Amino acid sequence: MTLVLVSAASIVLALGLSFLLMAPRHDAGTSAPMAAPFLGGGTPDTHAWQRFHFRAYTMTLVFIAFEMEMMFMYPWAVVFVEEGVKALAEMGMFLGILSVGILYGWREGVFRWQ
């Protein structure tokens, strides 16, 4: 119960301080263009909520596939000495599953230089 009260009090305090310190000041001498936020010298060409294509998605999947492969190679090498062929078969299945992700990235054109 104490944690809930402390959390609620800190939220109220943070919101109150931000309202007091960051609230816009309306001076009588400030004109409308001076009160507008700075846009870098021009008006924007597109709307801020415009949708865009996230092209790094497939590259991220391929990176995760390679990262997972490397992360499990060293422990597998240690276990391979003890287990033998069973560990080799398990690593083969693991690499086969990761190869599907790499082939998907290849099909999507992740490896093409643009």
N, C-alpha and C. Protein backbone atom coordinates (compact mmCIF):
# COMPACT_ATOMS: atom_id res chain seq x y z
N MET A 1 0.83 -1.19 0.00
CA MET A 1 0.00 0.00 0.00
C MET A 1 0.87 1.25 0.00
N THR A 2 1.97 1.20 0.75
CA THR A 2 2.87 2.34 0.80
C THR A 2 3.49 2.60 -0.56
N LEU A 3 3.83 1.54 -1.28
CA LEU A 3 4.42 1.69 -2.60
C LEU A 3 3.44 2.37 -3.56
N VAL A 4 2.17 2.02 -3.48
CA VAL A 4 1.16 2.64 -4.34
C VAL A 4 1.03 4.13 -4.02
N LEU A 5 1.01 4.47 -2.74
CA LEU A 5 0.90 5.88 -2.35
C LEU A 5 2.12 6.68 -2.78
N VAL A 6 3.30 6.13 -2.59
CA VAL A 6 4.52 6.82 -3.00
C VAL A 6 4.55 6.99 -4.52
N SER A 7 4.15 5.96 -5.26
CA SER A 7 4.11 6.05 -6.72
C SER A 7 3.12 7.11 -7.18
N ALA A 8 1.93 7.11 -6.60
CA ALA A 8 0.92 8.10 -6.98
C ALA A 8 1.39 9.52 -6.65
N ALA A 9 2.00 9.69 -5.49
CA ALA A 9 2.49 11.01 -5.09
C ALA A 9 3.60 11.49 -6.02
N SER A 10 4.50 10.60 -6.44
CA SER A 10 5.58 11.01 -7.34
C SER A 10 5.04 11.34 -8.73
N ILE A 11 4.01 10.65 -9.17
CA ILE A 11 3.40 10.97 -10.47
C ILE A 11 2.74 12.34 -10.42
N VAL A 12 1.98 12.59 -9.36
CA VAL A 12 1.32 13.89 -9.20
C VAL A 12 2.36 15.00 -9.10
N LEU A 13 3.42 14.77 -8.37
CA LEU A 13 4.48 15.77 -8.23
C LEU A 13 5.16 16.05 -9.57
N ALA A 14 5.46 15.01 -10.33
CA ALA A 14 6.11 15.19 -11.63
C ALA A 14 5.21 15.93 -12.60
N LEU A 15 3.94 15.58 -12.65
CA LEU A 15 3.01 16.28 -13.54
C LEU A 15 2.81 17.72 -13.11
N GLY A 16 2.72 17.95 -11.83
CA GLY A 16 2.55 19.32 -11.34
C GLY A 16 3.75 20.19 -11.64
N LEU A 17 4.95 19.67 -11.41
CA LEU A 17 6.16 20.43 -11.71
C LEU A 17 6.30 20.70 -13.20
N SER A 18 5.97 19.72 -14.04
CA SER A 18 6.08 19.94 -15.47
C SER A 18 5.07 20.99 -15.94
N PHE A 19 3.89 21.00 -15.34
CA PHE A 19 2.90 22.00 -15.71
C PHE A 19 3.37 23.40 -15.29
N LEU A 20 3.93 23.51 -14.09
CA LEU A 20 4.38 24.82 -13.62
C LEU A 20 5.62 25.32 -14.36
N LEU A 21 6.56 24.45 -14.62
CA LEU A 21 7.82 24.86 -15.23
C LEU A 21 7.78 24.93 -16.75
N MET A 22 7.01 24.09 -17.38
CA MET A 22 7.03 24.00 -18.84
C MET A 22 5.81 24.62 -19.51
N ALA A 23 4.90 25.18 -18.76
CA ALA A 23 3.71 25.79 -19.36
C ALA A 23 4.11 26.97 -20.23
N PRO A 24 3.49 27.11 -21.41
CA PRO A 24 3.85 28.23 -22.29
C PRO A 24 3.46 29.56 -21.65
N ARG A 25 4.33 30.53 -21.83
CA ARG A 25 4.09 31.87 -21.31
C ARG A 25 3.50 32.72 -22.43
N HIS A 26 2.44 33.41 -22.17
CA HIS A 26 1.80 34.26 -23.16
C HIS A 26 2.15 35.71 -22.85
N ASP A 27 3.21 36.19 -23.52
CA ASP A 27 3.61 37.59 -23.35
C ASP A 27 2.80 38.45 -24.31
N ALA A 28 2.56 39.66 -23.93
CA ALA A 28 1.76 40.57 -24.77
C ALA A 28 2.50 40.96 -26.04
N GLY A 29 3.85 41.03 -26.02
CA GLY A 29 4.59 41.50 -27.17
C GLY A 29 4.96 40.41 -28.16
N THR A 30 4.63 39.16 -27.92
CA THR A 30 5.01 38.08 -28.81
C THR A 30 3.98 37.93 -29.93
N SER A 31 4.48 37.97 -31.18
CA SER A 31 3.58 37.80 -32.32
C SER A 31 3.38 36.31 -32.61
N ALA A 32 2.42 36.01 -33.48
CA ALA A 32 2.09 34.62 -33.79
C ALA A 32 3.27 33.87 -34.42
N PRO A 33 4.01 34.43 -35.38
CA PRO A 33 5.14 33.67 -35.93
C PRO A 33 6.23 33.41 -34.91
N MET A 34 6.41 34.30 -33.98
CA MET A 34 7.45 34.08 -32.96
C MET A 34 7.01 33.02 -31.94
N ALA A 35 5.72 32.85 -31.77
CA ALA A 35 5.22 31.87 -30.81
C ALA A 35 5.15 30.47 -31.40
N ALA A 36 5.25 30.35 -32.75
CA ALA A 36 5.20 29.03 -33.40
C ALA A 36 6.50 28.28 -33.15
N PRO A 37 6.43 26.97 -33.09
CA PRO A 37 7.65 26.19 -32.89
C PRO A 37 8.59 26.32 -34.08
N PHE A 38 9.87 26.21 -33.82
CA PHE A 38 10.88 26.33 -34.88
C PHE A 38 10.85 25.10 -35.77
N LEU A 39 10.76 25.30 -37.09
CA LEU A 39 10.64 24.19 -38.02
C LEU A 39 11.88 23.98 -38.87
N GLY A 40 12.95 24.66 -38.60
CA GLY A 40 14.14 24.47 -39.40
C GLY A 40 14.14 25.33 -40.65
N GLY A 41 13.36 26.36 -40.71
CA GLY A 41 13.40 27.29 -41.82
C GLY A 41 12.31 27.14 -42.83
N GLY A 42 11.46 26.17 -42.76
CA GLY A 42 10.42 26.03 -43.77
C GLY A 42 9.24 25.25 -43.25
N THR A 43 8.19 25.26 -44.05
CA THR A 43 7.00 24.49 -43.68
C THR A 43 7.21 23.04 -44.09
N PRO A 44 6.67 22.11 -43.35
CA PRO A 44 6.87 20.70 -43.71
C PRO A 44 6.10 20.34 -44.98
N ASP A 45 6.69 19.42 -45.78
CA ASP A 45 6.06 19.00 -47.02
C ASP A 45 5.00 17.92 -46.80
N THR A 46 5.19 17.09 -45.79
CA THR A 46 4.25 16.01 -45.52
C THR A 46 3.73 16.13 -44.10
N HIS A 47 2.67 15.43 -43.85
CA HIS A 47 2.07 15.42 -42.52
C HIS A 47 2.93 14.58 -41.57
N ALA A 48 2.94 14.93 -40.33
CA ALA A 48 3.78 14.23 -39.35
C ALA A 48 3.34 12.78 -39.14
N TRP A 49 2.07 12.48 -39.38
CA TRP A 49 1.56 11.13 -39.17
C TRP A 49 1.60 10.28 -40.43
N GLN A 50 2.31 10.73 -41.46
CA GLN A 50 2.39 9.98 -42.70
C GLN A 50 3.07 8.64 -42.46
N ARG A 51 2.54 7.60 -43.08
CA ARG A 51 3.09 6.26 -42.92
C ARG A 51 4.33 6.11 -43.77
N PHE A 52 5.28 5.32 -43.31
CA PHE A 52 6.48 5.06 -44.07
C PHE A 52 6.83 3.59 -43.96
N HIS A 53 7.59 3.13 -44.93
CA HIS A 53 7.96 1.72 -44.98
C HIS A 53 9.24 1.51 -44.18
N PHE A 54 9.20 0.60 -43.25
CA PHE A 54 10.36 0.30 -42.41
C PHE A 54 11.18 -0.79 -43.09
N ARG A 55 12.19 -0.39 -43.86
CA ARG A 55 12.96 -1.31 -44.67
C ARG A 55 13.98 -2.13 -43.85
N ALA A 56 14.27 -1.72 -42.65
CA ALA A 56 15.27 -2.44 -41.86
C ALA A 56 14.70 -3.67 -41.18
N TYR A 57 13.41 -3.94 -41.33
CA TYR A 57 12.77 -5.06 -40.64
C TYR A 57 13.40 -6.39 -41.05
N THR A 58 13.52 -6.62 -42.36
CA THR A 58 14.06 -7.91 -42.80
C THR A 58 15.54 -8.02 -42.45
N MET A 59 16.27 -6.92 -42.52
CA MET A 59 17.69 -6.96 -42.14
C MET A 59 17.83 -7.28 -40.65
N THR A 60 16.91 -6.78 -39.85
CA THR A 60 16.93 -7.08 -38.42
C THR A 60 16.70 -8.57 -38.19
N LEU A 61 15.79 -9.17 -38.94
CA LEU A 61 15.54 -10.60 -38.80
C LEU A 61 16.78 -11.42 -39.16
N VAL A 62 17.46 -11.02 -40.22
CA VAL A 62 18.68 -11.74 -40.62
C VAL A 62 19.77 -11.56 -39.56
N PHE A 63 19.91 -10.36 -39.01
CA PHE A 63 20.89 -10.13 -37.96
C PHE A 63 20.60 -11.01 -36.76
N ILE A 64 19.34 -11.12 -36.37
CA ILE A 64 18.99 -11.97 -35.23
C ILE A 64 19.30 -13.43 -35.53
N ALA A 65 19.07 -13.85 -36.78
CA ALA A 65 19.39 -15.24 -37.15
C ALA A 65 20.88 -15.51 -37.00
N PHE A 66 21.73 -14.62 -37.51
CA PHE A 66 23.17 -14.81 -37.38
C PHE A 66 23.62 -14.70 -35.93
N GLU A 67 23.02 -13.78 -35.19
CA GLU A 67 23.39 -13.58 -33.79
C GLU A 67 23.05 -14.82 -32.96
N MET A 68 21.88 -15.38 -33.18
CA MET A 68 21.50 -16.59 -32.45
C MET A 68 22.42 -17.75 -32.81
N GLU A 69 22.80 -17.81 -34.08
CA GLU A 69 23.71 -18.88 -34.50
C GLU A 69 25.04 -18.78 -33.77
N MET A 70 25.60 -17.60 -33.72
CA MET A 70 26.90 -17.43 -33.07
C MET A 70 26.81 -17.58 -31.55
N MET A 71 25.67 -17.19 -30.99
CA MET A 71 25.51 -17.28 -29.54
C MET A 71 25.48 -18.73 -29.06
N PHE A 72 24.96 -19.63 -29.89
CA PHE A 72 24.85 -21.02 -29.49
C PHE A 72 25.99 -21.90 -29.99
N MET A 73 26.88 -21.37 -30.82
CA MET A 73 27.96 -22.19 -31.36
C MET A 73 28.98 -22.60 -30.29
N TYR A 74 29.38 -21.67 -29.44
CA TYR A 74 30.41 -22.01 -28.44
C TYR A 74 29.91 -23.03 -27.42
N PRO A 75 28.74 -22.82 -26.79
CA PRO A 75 28.27 -23.86 -25.86
C PRO A 75 28.06 -25.20 -26.55
N TRP A 76 27.64 -25.17 -27.81
CA TRP A 76 27.45 -26.41 -28.54
C TRP A 76 28.79 -27.12 -28.73
N ALA A 77 29.84 -26.36 -29.02
CA ALA A 77 31.16 -26.97 -29.22
C ALA A 77 31.63 -27.65 -27.94
N VAL A 78 31.31 -27.08 -26.79
CA VAL A 78 31.70 -27.70 -25.52
C VAL A 78 30.91 -28.99 -25.30
N VAL A 79 29.63 -28.97 -25.60
CA VAL A 79 28.78 -30.15 -25.40
C VAL A 79 29.06 -31.21 -26.45
N PHE A 80 29.48 -30.80 -27.64
CA PHE A 80 29.73 -31.75 -28.73
C PHE A 80 30.79 -32.78 -28.34
N VAL A 81 31.77 -32.36 -27.57
CA VAL A 81 32.83 -33.29 -27.14
C VAL A 81 32.23 -34.42 -26.30
N GLU A 82 31.26 -34.09 -25.47
CA GLU A 82 30.65 -35.10 -24.59
C GLU A 82 29.57 -35.92 -25.29
N GLU A 83 28.73 -35.25 -26.10
CA GLU A 83 27.56 -35.92 -26.68
C GLU A 83 27.84 -36.62 -28.01
N GLY A 84 28.66 -36.02 -28.85
CA GLY A 84 29.00 -36.65 -30.13
C GLY A 84 27.97 -36.41 -31.21
N VAL A 85 27.50 -37.51 -31.83
CA VAL A 85 26.63 -37.42 -33.01
C VAL A 85 25.27 -36.80 -32.66
N LYS A 86 24.79 -37.05 -31.47
CA LYS A 86 23.50 -36.48 -31.07
C LYS A 86 23.56 -34.95 -31.10
N ALA A 87 24.64 -34.39 -30.57
CA ALA A 87 24.80 -32.92 -30.59
C ALA A 87 24.95 -32.42 -32.02
N LEU A 88 25.60 -33.18 -32.88
CA LEU A 88 25.76 -32.78 -34.28
C LEU A 88 24.40 -32.73 -34.98
N ALA A 89 23.54 -33.70 -34.72
CA ALA A 89 22.21 -33.71 -35.32
C ALA A 89 21.37 -32.54 -34.81
N GLU A 90 21.44 -32.25 -33.53
CA GLU A 90 20.68 -31.12 -32.98
C GLU A 90 21.15 -29.79 -33.57
N MET A 91 22.46 -29.62 -33.74
CA MET A 91 22.96 -28.39 -34.33
C MET A 91 22.56 -28.30 -35.80
N GLY A 92 22.51 -29.42 -36.47
CA GLY A 92 22.06 -29.43 -37.86
C GLY A 92 20.61 -28.95 -37.98
N MET A 93 19.76 -29.42 -37.08
CA MET A 93 18.36 -28.96 -37.09
C MET A 93 18.28 -27.47 -36.76
N PHE A 94 19.06 -27.02 -35.80
CA PHE A 94 19.07 -25.61 -35.41
C PHE A 94 19.50 -24.73 -36.58
N LEU A 95 20.58 -25.12 -37.25
CA LEU A 95 21.06 -24.34 -38.39
C LEU A 95 20.08 -24.40 -39.56
N GLY A 96 19.38 -25.50 -39.70
CA GLY A 96 18.35 -25.59 -40.75
C GLY A 96 17.22 -24.61 -40.51
N ILE A 97 16.79 -24.50 -39.27
CA ILE A 97 15.72 -23.54 -38.94
C ILE A 97 16.19 -22.11 -39.17
N LEU A 98 17.42 -21.79 -38.77
CA LEU A 98 17.95 -20.45 -39.00
C LEU A 98 18.15 -20.18 -40.48
N SER A 99 18.46 -21.20 -41.25
CA SER A 99 18.64 -21.02 -42.69
C SER A 99 17.35 -20.59 -43.37
N VAL A 100 16.23 -21.02 -42.84
CA VAL A 100 14.94 -20.59 -43.38
C VAL A 100 14.80 -19.07 -43.25
N GLY A 101 15.21 -18.52 -42.11
CA GLY A 101 15.16 -17.07 -41.92
C GLY A 101 16.11 -16.34 -42.85
N ILE A 102 17.29 -16.90 -43.06
CA ILE A 102 18.26 -16.28 -43.96
C ILE A 102 17.76 -16.34 -45.40
N LEU A 103 17.17 -17.46 -45.80
CA LEU A 103 16.61 -17.56 -47.15
C LEU A 103 15.46 -16.59 -47.35
N TYR A 104 14.65 -16.38 -46.32
CA TYR A 104 13.58 -15.40 -46.40
C TYR A 104 14.15 -14.00 -46.63
N GLY A 105 15.20 -13.65 -45.89
CA GLY A 105 15.83 -12.36 -46.09
C GLY A 105 16.41 -12.22 -47.48
N TRP A 106 17.00 -13.29 -48.00
CA TRP A 106 17.56 -13.26 -49.34
C TRP A 106 16.45 -13.04 -50.37
N ARG A 107 15.31 -13.71 -50.18
CA ARG A 107 14.19 -13.55 -51.10
C ARG A 107 13.64 -12.13 -51.06
N GLU A 108 13.66 -11.51 -49.87
CA GLU A 108 13.16 -10.15 -49.73
C GLU A 108 14.16 -9.10 -50.23
N GLY A 109 15.37 -9.50 -50.56
CA GLY A 109 16.36 -8.59 -51.13
C GLY A 109 17.19 -7.86 -50.09
N VAL A 110 17.37 -8.45 -48.93
CA VAL A 110 18.13 -7.78 -47.88
C VAL A 110 19.60 -7.65 -48.27
N PHE A 111 20.12 -8.59 -49.01
CA PHE A 111 21.53 -8.61 -49.32
C PHE A 111 21.89 -7.82 -50.57
N ARG A 112 20.90 -7.21 -51.25
CA ARG A 112 21.17 -6.38 -52.43
C ARG A 112 21.64 -5.00 -51.99
N TRP A 113 22.71 -4.54 -52.60
CA TRP A 113 23.24 -3.20 -52.30
C TRP A 113 22.41 -2.17 -53.05
N GLN A 114 21.89 -1.18 -52.31
CA GLN A 114 21.08 -0.14 -52.95
C GLN A 114 21.62 1.22 -52.62
